[in-house]
Amino acid sequence: MKNWILFGLLTASTLSYGQEGQGANLHASRYIFSPSGYALAKDSIYLNWIGPLLDVQFAPSDNITLGIGTPFFLGVYATGGYSMQINDQLSAKVGGLYGVPSVGQASFGLPYGVLTMGKPNANFTVGVGYGFTTGDWGGDLNGLALNMAGYKDFGGKTGLLFEGWYLPEIETYIVAPAFRIYTKRDRRYWNIGFLAARYSYDETEYPILGYDTDWDGILDVTERPAGTDFYTIYDYNNPFLTRIWETFRFPIFSYAMYF
């Protein structure tokens, strides 16, 4: 019984301390990589480190955010955004990203708009953008980018979040749930979760004409023989495309600092 009382007191003290945290307010402008409609406070700097991606944002005013980032120094990009608070429950942001790789003649960009519903401690965001590439990457990622994200704070020191992307032009789905832990007076946090992606591509195949059981290059039968002692003969004059689906998952860790 004493152990349960002690556990209850520890839990209550933890929750009461967590209620005073300002982490959700300070870090409301970003999920993992996706932006929300909330703005950074004027003169704030926000550093976001997602695996090999380093991103830094600066707010010269209460509505404007400017940034720069690099994916493991394989390229560099610049960002800009303008936030608007529509009412107590709605915030919006319009902005864009433009970058170039370190090697090759190419560029990439993503103008976007997002709408966030709720409060910093519990919110949901929908967004739409248009990705484009030029040069060596021309056409590879051109098309719409649809986005959803959400966050729920638990007691001020922890929270759950997710973000998801759908790229209809290349039929790719991406989802990333994570657990957020605030540290150092709520000015820092860790996101710990995983990323899962499902994507498709076209693969060229050829109709099967039949099987050569004598190994003389001549079709002998049209039904697949038993065993493995045969050679498959394909119709290389009539190729067709087959849609192949692949899925991959891996853990993700991100770290952010607000100052």
Protein backbone atom coordinates (compact mmCIF):
# COMPACT_ATOMS: atom_id res chain seq x y z
CA MET A 1 0.00 0.00 0.00
CA LYS A 2 2.84 2.37 0.84
CA ASN A 3 4.41 1.71 -2.56
CA TRP A 4 1.16 2.67 -4.31
CA ILE A 5 0.89 5.88 -2.24
CA LEU A 6 4.50 6.77 -3.09
CA PHE A 7 3.88 6.02 -6.76
CA GLY A 8 0.77 8.22 -6.72
CA LEU A 9 2.63 11.11 -5.08
CA LEU A 10 5.48 10.86 -7.59
CA THR A 11 3.05 10.76 -10.51
CA ALA A 12 1.07 13.73 -9.21
CA SER A 13 4.22 15.78 -8.67
CA THR A 14 5.47 14.94 -12.15
CA LEU A 15 2.18 15.91 -13.78
CA SER A 16 1.88 19.11 -11.79
CA TYR A 17 5.39 20.08 -12.82
CA GLY A 18 4.65 19.18 -16.43
CA GLN A 19 1.60 21.43 -16.54
CA GLU A 20 3.91 24.41 -16.18
CA GLY A 21 6.02 23.47 -19.20
CA GLN A 22 6.01 25.74 -22.23
CA GLY A 23 7.50 23.22 -24.64
CA ALA A 24 4.37 22.88 -26.76
CA ASN A 25 4.20 26.65 -27.22
CA LEU A 26 7.89 27.15 -27.96
CA HIS A 27 8.11 24.31 -30.48
CA ALA A 28 4.67 24.53 -32.08
CA SER A 29 6.00 25.68 -35.46
CA ARG A 30 7.39 22.27 -36.42
CA TYR A 31 6.44 18.60 -36.18
CA ILE A 32 9.38 16.51 -37.41
CA PHE A 33 10.13 18.16 -40.74
CA SER A 34 6.66 19.45 -41.61
CA PRO A 35 5.78 23.03 -40.64
CA SER A 36 2.60 24.02 -38.85
CA GLY A 37 0.64 27.24 -39.25
CA TYR A 38 2.14 28.66 -36.05
CA ALA A 39 4.85 31.31 -36.22
CA LEU A 40 8.13 31.62 -34.41
CA ALA A 41 8.31 34.52 -31.99
CA LYS A 42 10.19 37.57 -33.24
CA ASP A 43 14.01 37.32 -33.00
CA SER A 44 13.82 33.59 -32.18
CA ILE A 45 16.20 31.03 -33.66
CA TYR A 46 15.16 27.42 -34.12
CA LEU A 47 17.61 24.60 -34.83
CA ASN A 48 16.21 21.28 -36.04
CA TRP A 49 18.44 18.27 -36.56
CA ILE A 50 16.77 15.24 -38.21
CA GLY A 51 19.28 12.46 -38.76
CA PRO A 52 21.60 13.77 -41.52
CA LEU A 53 19.44 16.89 -42.08
CA LEU A 54 20.38 20.13 -40.30
CA ASP A 55 17.86 22.98 -40.51
CA VAL A 56 18.04 26.46 -38.91
CA GLN A 57 15.15 28.96 -38.84
CA PHE A 58 15.13 32.63 -37.82
CA ALA A 59 12.15 34.93 -37.21
CA PRO A 60 12.90 38.58 -38.12
CA SER A 61 9.28 39.40 -37.21
CA ASP A 62 6.30 37.74 -35.56
CA ASN A 63 4.96 36.56 -38.92
CA ILE A 64 8.00 35.91 -41.10
CA THR A 65 10.41 32.98 -40.84
CA LEU A 66 13.60 32.55 -42.88
CA GLY A 67 15.82 29.49 -42.87
CA ILE A 68 18.62 27.48 -44.36
CA GLY A 69 19.36 23.76 -44.29
CA THR A 70 21.59 21.02 -45.61
CA PRO A 71 21.01 17.25 -45.98
CA PHE A 72 24.40 16.02 -44.74
CA PHE A 73 26.15 18.65 -46.89
CA LEU A 74 24.95 16.92 -50.08
CA GLY A 75 23.19 20.15 -50.96
CA VAL A 76 21.80 23.32 -49.48
CA TYR A 77 18.34 24.86 -49.41
CA ALA A 78 16.72 28.09 -48.26
CA THR A 79 13.21 28.48 -46.85
CA GLY A 80 10.78 31.28 -46.16
CA GLY A 81 7.34 31.41 -44.61
CA TYR A 82 4.61 33.85 -43.62
CA SER A 83 2.24 32.90 -40.77
CA MET A 84 -1.24 34.23 -40.09
CA GLN A 85 -3.46 33.67 -37.06
CA ILE A 86 -7.02 33.54 -38.41
CA ASN A 87 -8.70 33.08 -35.02
CA ASP A 88 -8.10 31.31 -31.70
CA GLN A 89 -8.38 27.89 -33.34
CA LEU A 90 -7.01 28.46 -36.84
CA SER A 91 -3.55 29.45 -38.06
CA ALA A 92 -2.13 29.34 -41.57
CA LYS A 93 1.26 29.57 -43.22
CA VAL A 94 2.41 29.99 -46.81
CA GLY A 95 6.01 29.52 -47.79
CA GLY A 96 8.50 27.72 -49.92
CA LEU A 97 11.75 25.80 -50.10
CA TYR A 98 14.38 26.08 -52.83
CA GLY A 99 17.73 24.33 -53.02
CA VAL A 100 20.58 22.97 -55.10
CA PRO A 101 22.74 19.83 -54.71
CA SER A 102 26.45 20.01 -54.01
CA VAL A 103 27.26 18.14 -57.23
CA GLY A 104 25.60 18.42 -60.62
CA GLN A 105 23.45 20.94 -62.43
CA ALA A 106 20.06 20.71 -60.76
CA SER A 107 17.67 22.46 -58.41
CA PHE A 108 14.59 21.57 -56.38
CA GLY A 109 11.77 23.50 -54.79
CA LEU A 110 8.52 23.18 -52.87
CA PRO A 111 6.07 26.10 -52.51
CA TYR A 112 3.40 25.17 -49.94
CA GLY A 113 0.51 26.26 -47.78
CA VAL A 114 -0.66 24.74 -44.47
CA LEU A 115 -3.68 25.22 -42.21
CA THR A 116 -3.48 24.32 -38.51
CA MET A 117 -6.54 23.69 -36.34
CA GLY A 118 -6.42 23.67 -32.54
CA LYS A 119 -3.99 24.95 -29.94
CA PRO A 120 -0.21 24.45 -29.63
CA ASN A 121 -0.75 21.62 -27.13
CA ALA A 122 -3.28 19.75 -29.32
CA ASN A 123 -3.51 20.44 -33.04
CA PHE A 124 -3.95 19.02 -36.52
CA THR A 125 -2.48 20.38 -39.76
CA VAL A 126 -3.27 19.81 -43.43
CA GLY A 127 -1.04 21.10 -46.19
CA VAL A 128 -0.51 21.10 -49.92
CA GLY A 129 2.53 21.95 -51.99
CA TYR A 130 4.00 21.46 -55.44
CA GLY A 131 7.43 19.92 -55.75
CA PHE A 132 9.57 20.63 -58.78
CA THR A 133 13.05 19.74 -59.97
CA THR A 134 15.22 21.00 -62.81
CA GLY A 135 18.44 20.07 -64.55
CA ASP A 136 19.84 16.62 -63.84
CA TRP A 137 16.80 15.85 -61.68
CA GLY A 138 14.29 17.34 -64.10
CA GLY A 139 10.88 15.70 -63.81
CA ASP A 140 11.82 13.13 -61.18
CA LEU A 141 9.78 14.66 -58.35
CA ASN A 142 7.50 17.11 -60.13
CA GLY A 143 3.94 17.11 -58.81
CA LEU A 144 1.64 17.65 -55.85
CA ALA A 145 2.72 16.98 -52.28
CA LEU A 146 -0.12 16.46 -49.78
CA ASN A 147 0.63 16.57 -46.07
CA MET A 148 -1.06 15.86 -42.73
CA ALA A 149 0.38 16.23 -39.24
CA GLY A 150 -0.76 16.40 -35.64
CA TYR A 151 0.45 16.81 -32.07
CA LYS A 152 -0.95 16.03 -28.61
CA ASP A 153 0.82 17.22 -25.49
CA PHE A 154 0.77 15.11 -22.31
CA GLY A 155 1.50 17.07 -19.15
CA GLY A 156 3.95 19.53 -20.68
CA LYS A 157 7.06 17.32 -20.74
CA THR A 158 6.07 14.71 -23.31
CA GLY A 159 3.85 14.46 -26.35
CA LEU A 160 2.86 12.33 -29.33
CA LEU A 161 3.02 13.52 -32.91
CA PHE A 162 2.84 12.27 -36.45
CA GLU A 163 3.29 13.57 -39.94
CA GLY A 164 2.40 11.97 -43.23
CA TRP A 165 2.98 12.70 -46.90
CA TYR A 166 1.37 11.54 -50.10
CA LEU A 167 3.04 12.16 -53.47
CA PRO A 168 0.39 11.19 -56.05
CA GLU A 169 2.60 11.66 -59.12
CA ILE A 170 4.92 8.87 -58.00
CA GLU A 171 2.39 7.03 -55.82
CA THR A 172 4.42 7.30 -52.63
CA TYR A 173 3.06 7.26 -49.07
CA ILE A 174 5.16 8.33 -46.08
CA VAL A 175 4.14 8.28 -42.42
CA ALA A 176 6.26 9.14 -39.38
CA PRO A 177 4.86 8.81 -35.82
CA ALA A 178 7.09 9.88 -32.93
CA PHE A 179 7.25 10.42 -29.19
CA ARG A 180 8.49 13.86 -28.09
CA ILE A 181 10.45 14.47 -24.88
CA TYR A 182 11.20 18.02 -23.71
CA THR A 183 14.41 18.82 -21.82
CA LYS A 184 16.44 21.80 -20.60
CA ARG A 185 13.63 24.11 -19.46
CA ASP A 186 11.49 23.14 -22.45
CA ARG A 187 13.85 24.79 -24.93
CA ARG A 188 15.02 21.47 -26.33
CA TYR A 189 13.34 18.25 -27.31
CA TRP A 190 13.96 14.84 -28.77
CA ASN A 191 11.63 13.14 -31.23
CA ILE A 192 11.95 9.36 -31.17
CA GLY A 193 9.93 7.34 -33.66
CA PHE A 194 10.06 5.61 -37.02
CA LEU A 195 9.42 6.38 -40.66
CA ALA A 196 7.58 4.04 -43.01
CA ALA A 197 7.24 4.56 -46.74
CA ARG A 198 5.40 2.67 -49.45
CA TYR A 199 6.26 3.46 -53.04
CA SER A 200 5.78 1.99 -56.48
CA TYR A 201 7.64 1.82 -59.76
CA ASP A 202 7.15 0.27 -63.18
CA GLU A 203 9.13 -2.80 -64.17
CA THR A 204 9.36 -4.12 -67.73
CA GLU A 205 8.30 -7.74 -68.20
CA TYR A 206 7.81 -10.00 -71.21
CA PRO A 207 5.07 -12.52 -71.99
CA ILE A 208 6.00 -16.19 -71.72
CA LEU A 209 5.61 -18.02 -75.03
CA GLY A 210 6.40 -21.45 -73.64
CA TYR A 211 9.18 -23.74 -72.52
CA ASP A 212 12.10 -25.50 -74.18
CA THR A 213 12.54 -28.92 -72.59
CA ASP A 214 15.22 -30.17 -75.01
CA TRP A 215 17.51 -27.17 -74.58
CA ASP A 216 17.72 -26.63 -78.32
CA GLY A 217 16.20 -23.15 -78.49
CA ILE A 218 12.88 -24.43 -79.87
CA LEU A 219 9.56 -24.11 -78.03
CA ASP A 220 8.35 -27.56 -77.01
CA VAL A 221 5.41 -27.03 -74.61
CA THR A 222 3.25 -24.09 -73.52
CA GLU A 223 2.47 -25.39 -70.02
CA ARG A 224 5.16 -25.11 -67.37
CA PRO A 225 6.85 -28.51 -66.92
CA ALA A 226 7.51 -30.09 -63.55
CA GLY A 227 10.95 -29.74 -62.08
CA THR A 228 13.64 -27.35 -63.30
CA ASP A 229 15.00 -29.08 -66.42
CA PHE A 230 13.68 -26.58 -68.96
CA TYR A 231 14.33 -23.15 -70.45
CA THR A 232 11.70 -20.40 -70.48
CA ILE A 233 11.12 -18.68 -73.83
CA TYR A 234 9.91 -15.07 -73.69
CA ASP A 235 8.26 -12.86 -76.29
CA TYR A 236 10.74 -9.98 -76.36
CA ASN A 237 8.81 -8.20 -79.10
CA ASN A 238 5.84 -7.41 -76.83
CA PRO A 239 7.08 -6.00 -73.52
CA PHE A 240 4.62 -4.72 -70.92
CA LEU A 241 4.90 -2.78 -67.67
CA THR A 242 4.05 -4.18 -64.24
CA ARG A 243 3.57 -1.99 -61.17
CA ILE A 244 5.85 -3.08 -58.32
CA TRP A 245 5.21 -1.95 -54.71
CA GLU A 246 7.96 -1.73 -52.10
CA THR A 247 7.89 -0.82 -48.40
CA PHE A 248 10.67 0.20 -46.06
CA ARG A 249 10.85 1.27 -42.41
CA PHE A 250 13.59 2.66 -40.23
CA PRO A 251 13.87 4.47 -36.86
CA ILE A 252 14.18 8.24 -36.81
CA PHE A 253 15.59 10.58 -34.20
CA SER A 254 15.45 14.34 -34.27
CA TYR A 255 16.66 17.04 -31.93
CA ALA A 256 15.52 20.66 -31.77
CA MET A 257 16.69 23.70 -29.86
CA TYR A 258 14.87 27.00 -29.40
CA PHE A 259 16.79 30.14 -28.45
